[in-house]
Amino acid sequence: MKQYKAGDILLMAFPFSSGSSKRRPALVLADMGDNDVLVVRVTTTQTQTLYDTELRDWQLAGLLAPSVVRTDKLATLEKSLVERQLGSLTEADYTAVASTIQIVFSEWIR
């Protein structure tokens, strides 16, 4: 099975809490070497919360439009849902996402 690294952008079927799913980009946070990958949602919808991180170098990441990472929308998904890898975040964009993730977890774990 393919191994992904933190910062990779994948095109995959991303599930919603309603039970439906949508083919969309997702950002890899971790791949522990098994059949699953930990990802967060990537969307073209404008920033809506403090937990959204706008990507400055979205074109370099293989995305087709200006995008936002929804860092509070975590999912552990089977790699079989991955259609293909689109690209990877630049170091600057990944650092910005990682900083926002630290805020998310500090809010959740008190």
N, C-alpha and C. Protein backbone atom coordinates (compact mmCIF):
# COMPACT_ATOMS: atom_id res chain seq x y z
N MET A 1 0.84 -1.18 0.00
CA MET A 1 0.00 0.00 0.00
C MET A 1 0.89 1.25 0.00
N LYS A 2 0.48 2.27 -0.74
CA LYS A 2 1.26 3.51 -0.84
C LYS A 2 1.37 4.19 0.53
N GLN A 3 2.52 4.79 0.77
CA GLN A 3 2.77 5.55 1.99
C GLN A 3 2.72 7.04 1.63
N TYR A 4 1.97 7.80 2.41
CA TYR A 4 1.87 9.25 2.20
C TYR A 4 2.60 9.96 3.32
N LYS A 5 2.95 11.23 3.08
CA LYS A 5 3.63 11.99 4.12
C LYS A 5 2.80 13.22 4.48
N ALA A 6 3.04 13.72 5.69
CA ALA A 6 2.35 14.92 6.15
C ALA A 6 2.58 16.04 5.14
N GLY A 7 1.50 16.70 4.75
CA GLY A 7 1.59 17.78 3.77
C GLY A 7 1.13 17.39 2.38
N ASP A 8 0.99 16.08 2.11
CA ASP A 8 0.49 15.65 0.81
C ASP A 8 -0.98 16.03 0.67
N ILE A 9 -1.37 16.38 -0.54
CA ILE A 9 -2.76 16.67 -0.87
C ILE A 9 -3.28 15.51 -1.72
N LEU A 10 -4.37 14.88 -1.25
CA LEU A 10 -4.96 13.74 -1.93
C LEU A 10 -6.34 14.09 -2.43
N LEU A 11 -6.73 13.50 -3.55
CA LEU A 11 -8.11 13.58 -4.02
C LEU A 11 -8.78 12.29 -3.57
N MET A 12 -9.85 12.43 -2.77
CA MET A 12 -10.48 11.23 -2.21
C MET A 12 -11.94 11.46 -1.88
N ALA A 13 -12.64 10.39 -1.58
CA ALA A 13 -14.03 10.48 -1.12
C ALA A 13 -13.98 10.84 0.36
N PHE A 14 -14.35 12.08 0.68
CA PHE A 14 -14.29 12.57 2.06
C PHE A 14 -15.68 12.50 2.67
N PRO A 15 -15.84 11.79 3.79
CA PRO A 15 -17.17 11.64 4.39
C PRO A 15 -17.61 12.87 5.18
N PHE A 16 -18.92 13.05 5.26
CA PHE A 16 -19.52 14.09 6.07
C PHE A 16 -20.28 13.43 7.22
N SER A 17 -20.57 14.20 8.25
CA SER A 17 -21.27 13.65 9.42
C SER A 17 -22.67 13.14 9.07
N SER A 18 -23.23 13.59 7.95
CA SER A 18 -24.55 13.13 7.53
C SER A 18 -24.52 11.71 6.98
N GLY A 19 -23.32 11.19 6.73
CA GLY A 19 -23.18 9.86 6.14
C GLY A 19 -22.88 9.90 4.66
N SER A 20 -23.05 11.06 4.04
CA SER A 20 -22.72 11.20 2.62
C SER A 20 -21.23 11.45 2.48
N SER A 21 -20.75 11.40 1.25
CA SER A 21 -19.35 11.72 1.01
C SER A 21 -19.25 12.51 -0.29
N LYS A 22 -18.13 13.20 -0.44
CA LYS A 22 -17.91 14.03 -1.62
C LYS A 22 -16.46 13.87 -2.05
N ARG A 23 -16.26 13.77 -3.33
CA ARG A 23 -14.91 13.71 -3.88
C ARG A 23 -14.28 15.09 -3.72
N ARG A 24 -13.18 15.14 -2.94
CA ARG A 24 -12.59 16.43 -2.65
C ARG A 24 -11.13 16.25 -2.25
N PRO A 25 -10.38 17.36 -2.24
CA PRO A 25 -9.01 17.27 -1.75
C PRO A 25 -8.97 17.15 -0.24
N ALA A 26 -7.96 16.47 0.25
CA ALA A 26 -7.74 16.32 1.68
C ALA A 26 -6.24 16.43 1.95
N LEU A 27 -5.90 17.01 3.08
CA LEU A 27 -4.51 17.18 3.48
C LEU A 27 -4.11 16.06 4.43
N VAL A 28 -3.02 15.39 4.14
CA VAL A 28 -2.52 14.32 5.01
C VAL A 28 -1.83 14.94 6.22
N LEU A 29 -2.24 14.49 7.41
CA LEU A 29 -1.55 14.86 8.65
C LEU A 29 -0.63 13.75 9.11
N ALA A 30 -1.05 12.48 8.90
CA ALA A 30 -0.23 11.35 9.34
C ALA A 30 -0.60 10.09 8.57
N ASP A 31 0.42 9.31 8.31
CA ASP A 31 0.26 7.97 7.74
C ASP A 31 1.17 7.07 8.57
N MET A 32 0.56 6.19 9.34
CA MET A 32 1.32 5.32 10.25
C MET A 32 1.75 4.02 9.59
N GLY A 33 1.54 3.91 8.28
CA GLY A 33 2.01 2.73 7.57
C GLY A 33 1.01 1.60 7.47
N ASP A 34 -0.23 1.82 7.93
CA ASP A 34 -1.25 0.78 7.80
C ASP A 34 -2.18 1.14 6.64
N ASN A 35 -3.42 0.69 6.67
CA ASN A 35 -4.36 0.93 5.58
C ASN A 35 -5.12 2.25 5.70
N ASP A 36 -4.84 3.03 6.74
CA ASP A 36 -5.55 4.28 6.98
C ASP A 36 -4.62 5.47 6.88
N VAL A 37 -5.23 6.64 6.72
CA VAL A 37 -4.49 7.90 6.69
C VAL A 37 -5.32 8.94 7.45
N LEU A 38 -4.65 9.76 8.26
CA LEU A 38 -5.31 10.83 9.00
C LEU A 38 -5.25 12.09 8.14
N VAL A 39 -6.44 12.65 7.84
CA VAL A 39 -6.52 13.80 6.93
C VAL A 39 -7.44 14.87 7.51
N VAL A 40 -7.35 16.06 6.93
CA VAL A 40 -8.30 17.14 7.18
C VAL A 40 -8.83 17.63 5.84
N ARG A 41 -10.00 18.21 5.90
CA ARG A 41 -10.70 18.65 4.70
C ARG A 41 -10.05 19.89 4.09
N VAL A 42 -10.03 19.94 2.76
CA VAL A 42 -9.61 21.12 2.00
C VAL A 42 -10.82 21.56 1.18
N THR A 43 -11.10 22.86 1.19
CA THR A 43 -12.30 23.38 0.52
C THR A 43 -11.99 24.71 -0.17
N THR A 44 -12.83 25.06 -1.12
CA THR A 44 -12.71 26.37 -1.77
C THR A 44 -13.62 27.40 -1.10
N THR A 45 -14.44 26.94 -0.16
CA THR A 45 -15.31 27.86 0.58
C THR A 45 -14.46 28.80 1.42
N GLN A 46 -14.80 30.06 1.43
CA GLN A 46 -14.03 31.06 2.17
C GLN A 46 -13.90 30.71 3.65
N THR A 47 -12.89 31.27 4.29
CA THR A 47 -12.66 31.06 5.71
C THR A 47 -13.92 31.39 6.51
N GLN A 48 -14.28 30.47 7.43
CA GLN A 48 -15.48 30.67 8.22
C GLN A 48 -15.21 30.67 9.72
N THR A 49 -14.11 30.03 10.15
CA THR A 49 -13.82 29.95 11.58
C THR A 49 -12.34 30.23 11.83
N LEU A 50 -11.99 30.36 13.09
CA LEU A 50 -10.58 30.54 13.46
C LEU A 50 -9.75 29.31 13.15
N TYR A 51 -10.40 28.18 12.90
CA TYR A 51 -9.70 26.93 12.65
C TYR A 51 -9.43 26.69 11.16
N ASP A 52 -9.80 27.62 10.32
CA ASP A 52 -9.53 27.52 8.88
C ASP A 52 -8.21 28.20 8.56
N THR A 53 -7.43 27.58 7.69
CA THR A 53 -6.16 28.15 7.26
C THR A 53 -6.17 28.31 5.75
N GLU A 54 -6.05 29.55 5.28
CA GLU A 54 -5.99 29.80 3.85
C GLU A 54 -4.62 29.39 3.32
N LEU A 55 -4.62 28.72 2.18
CA LEU A 55 -3.37 28.31 1.54
C LEU A 55 -2.90 29.41 0.59
N ARG A 56 -1.70 29.87 0.81
CA ARG A 56 -1.14 30.92 -0.06
C ARG A 56 -0.62 30.33 -1.37
N ASP A 57 -0.04 29.15 -1.29
CA ASP A 57 0.58 28.53 -2.46
C ASP A 57 -0.26 27.37 -2.97
N TRP A 58 -1.57 27.60 -3.08
CA TRP A 58 -2.49 26.53 -3.45
C TRP A 58 -2.17 25.93 -4.82
N GLN A 59 -1.71 26.74 -5.77
CA GLN A 59 -1.39 26.21 -7.10
C GLN A 59 -0.21 25.25 -7.04
N LEU A 60 0.80 25.57 -6.21
CA LEU A 60 1.95 24.69 -6.06
C LEU A 60 1.58 23.36 -5.41
N ALA A 61 0.45 23.34 -4.69
CA ALA A 61 -0.01 22.11 -4.03
C ALA A 61 -0.86 21.25 -4.97
N GLY A 62 -1.06 21.70 -6.20
CA GLY A 62 -1.84 20.92 -7.16
C GLY A 62 -3.33 21.18 -7.11
N LEU A 63 -3.73 22.24 -6.42
CA LEU A 63 -5.15 22.58 -6.31
C LEU A 63 -5.57 23.48 -7.47
N LEU A 64 -6.84 23.43 -7.83
CA LEU A 64 -7.34 24.16 -8.99
C LEU A 64 -7.86 25.56 -8.68
N ALA A 65 -8.08 25.86 -7.41
CA ALA A 65 -8.65 27.15 -7.01
C ALA A 65 -8.13 27.52 -5.63
N PRO A 66 -8.22 28.81 -5.26
CA PRO A 66 -7.84 29.20 -3.90
C PRO A 66 -8.56 28.33 -2.88
N SER A 67 -7.83 27.85 -1.90
CA SER A 67 -8.38 26.85 -0.98
C SER A 67 -8.07 27.15 0.47
N VAL A 68 -8.87 26.53 1.33
CA VAL A 68 -8.77 26.66 2.78
C VAL A 68 -8.70 25.26 3.38
N VAL A 69 -7.85 25.08 4.40
CA VAL A 69 -7.80 23.82 5.13
C VAL A 69 -8.65 23.97 6.37
N ARG A 70 -9.62 23.08 6.53
CA ARG A 70 -10.50 23.06 7.70
C ARG A 70 -9.86 22.14 8.75
N THR A 71 -9.02 22.71 9.60
CA THR A 71 -8.23 21.90 10.52
C THR A 71 -9.05 21.23 11.62
N ASP A 72 -10.29 21.65 11.81
CA ASP A 72 -11.13 21.00 12.82
C ASP A 72 -11.99 19.90 12.22
N LYS A 73 -11.78 19.56 10.97
CA LYS A 73 -12.53 18.50 10.29
C LYS A 73 -11.59 17.33 10.02
N LEU A 74 -11.20 16.64 11.09
CA LEU A 74 -10.30 15.49 11.01
C LEU A 74 -11.04 14.22 10.63
N ALA A 75 -10.35 13.34 9.91
CA ALA A 75 -10.92 12.04 9.60
C ALA A 75 -9.79 11.03 9.41
N THR A 76 -10.01 9.83 9.92
CA THR A 76 -9.12 8.71 9.63
C THR A 76 -9.84 7.88 8.57
N LEU A 77 -9.26 7.82 7.38
CA LEU A 77 -9.93 7.18 6.25
C LEU A 77 -9.06 6.09 5.65
N GLU A 78 -9.73 5.13 5.03
CA GLU A 78 -9.02 4.06 4.35
C GLU A 78 -8.32 4.61 3.11
N LYS A 79 -7.12 4.14 2.89
CA LYS A 79 -6.38 4.57 1.71
C LYS A 79 -7.06 4.16 0.41
N SER A 80 -7.94 3.16 0.49
CA SER A 80 -8.66 2.73 -0.71
C SER A 80 -9.58 3.84 -1.24
N LEU A 81 -9.87 4.86 -0.41
CA LEU A 81 -10.70 5.98 -0.84
C LEU A 81 -9.92 7.02 -1.63
N VAL A 82 -8.59 6.88 -1.66
CA VAL A 82 -7.74 7.83 -2.38
C VAL A 82 -7.81 7.55 -3.87
N GLU A 83 -8.15 8.59 -4.63
CA GLU A 83 -8.17 8.46 -6.08
C GLU A 83 -6.77 8.72 -6.65
N ARG A 84 -6.14 9.80 -6.15
CA ARG A 84 -4.77 10.11 -6.58
C ARG A 84 -4.19 11.22 -5.71
N GLN A 85 -2.89 11.38 -5.78
CA GLN A 85 -2.22 12.47 -5.08
C GLN A 85 -2.15 13.67 -6.02
N LEU A 86 -2.57 14.84 -5.51
CA LEU A 86 -2.55 16.06 -6.32
C LEU A 86 -1.23 16.80 -6.22
N GLY A 87 -0.60 16.76 -5.04
CA GLY A 87 0.64 17.49 -4.81
C GLY A 87 0.94 17.52 -3.34
N SER A 88 1.70 18.53 -2.92
CA SER A 88 2.06 18.69 -1.51
C SER A 88 2.09 20.17 -1.18
N LEU A 89 1.83 20.49 0.09
CA LEU A 89 1.89 21.89 0.54
C LEU A 89 3.34 22.36 0.58
N THR A 90 3.52 23.66 0.37
CA THR A 90 4.83 24.25 0.59
C THR A 90 5.11 24.22 2.09
N GLU A 91 6.35 24.40 2.46
CA GLU A 91 6.72 24.40 3.88
C GLU A 91 5.99 25.53 4.63
N ALA A 92 5.88 26.70 3.99
CA ALA A 92 5.21 27.83 4.64
C ALA A 92 3.73 27.53 4.90
N ASP A 93 3.04 26.95 3.91
CA ASP A 93 1.62 26.61 4.11
C ASP A 93 1.46 25.51 5.16
N TYR A 94 2.34 24.50 5.13
CA TYR A 94 2.22 23.43 6.12
C TYR A 94 2.47 23.97 7.54
N THR A 95 3.41 24.88 7.69
CA THR A 95 3.69 25.48 8.99
C THR A 95 2.47 26.25 9.49
N ALA A 96 1.81 26.97 8.61
CA ALA A 96 0.59 27.71 8.99
C ALA A 96 -0.52 26.75 9.42
N VAL A 97 -0.69 25.65 8.69
CA VAL A 97 -1.70 24.65 9.05
C VAL A 97 -1.36 24.02 10.39
N ALA A 98 -0.10 23.66 10.60
CA ALA A 98 0.33 23.04 11.86
C ALA A 98 0.08 23.97 13.04
N SER A 99 0.30 25.25 12.86
CA SER A 99 0.04 26.21 13.94
C SER A 99 -1.44 26.26 14.28
N THR A 100 -2.29 26.22 13.27
CA THR A 100 -3.73 26.22 13.51
C THR A 100 -4.17 24.93 14.19
N ILE A 101 -3.58 23.81 13.81
CA ILE A 101 -3.91 22.53 14.44
C ILE A 101 -3.55 22.56 15.92
N GLN A 102 -2.46 23.20 16.27
CA GLN A 102 -2.09 23.33 17.69
C GLN A 102 -3.17 24.10 18.44
N ILE A 103 -3.73 25.12 17.82
CA ILE A 103 -4.82 25.90 18.44
C ILE A 103 -6.04 25.01 18.62
N VAL A 104 -6.39 24.24 17.59
CA VAL A 104 -7.55 23.34 17.66
C VAL A 104 -7.40 22.40 18.84
N PHE A 105 -6.26 21.74 18.96
CA PHE A 105 -6.09 20.77 20.02
C PHE A 105 -6.00 21.42 21.40
N SER A 106 -5.45 22.61 21.48
CA SER A 106 -5.41 23.29 22.78
C SER A 106 -6.83 23.66 23.24
N GLU A 107 -7.72 23.93 22.28
CA GLU A 107 -9.13 24.22 22.60
C GLU A 107 -9.86 22.95 23.03
N TRP A 108 -9.55 21.83 22.37
CA TRP A 108 -10.25 20.57 22.65
C TRP A 108 -9.78 19.94 23.94
N ILE A 109 -8.49 20.06 24.23
CA ILE A 109 -7.91 19.38 25.40
C ILE A 109 -7.61 20.43 26.45
N ARG A 110 -8.48 20.54 27.41
CA ARG A 110 -8.30 21.52 28.48
C ARG A 110 -8.27 20.83 29.80
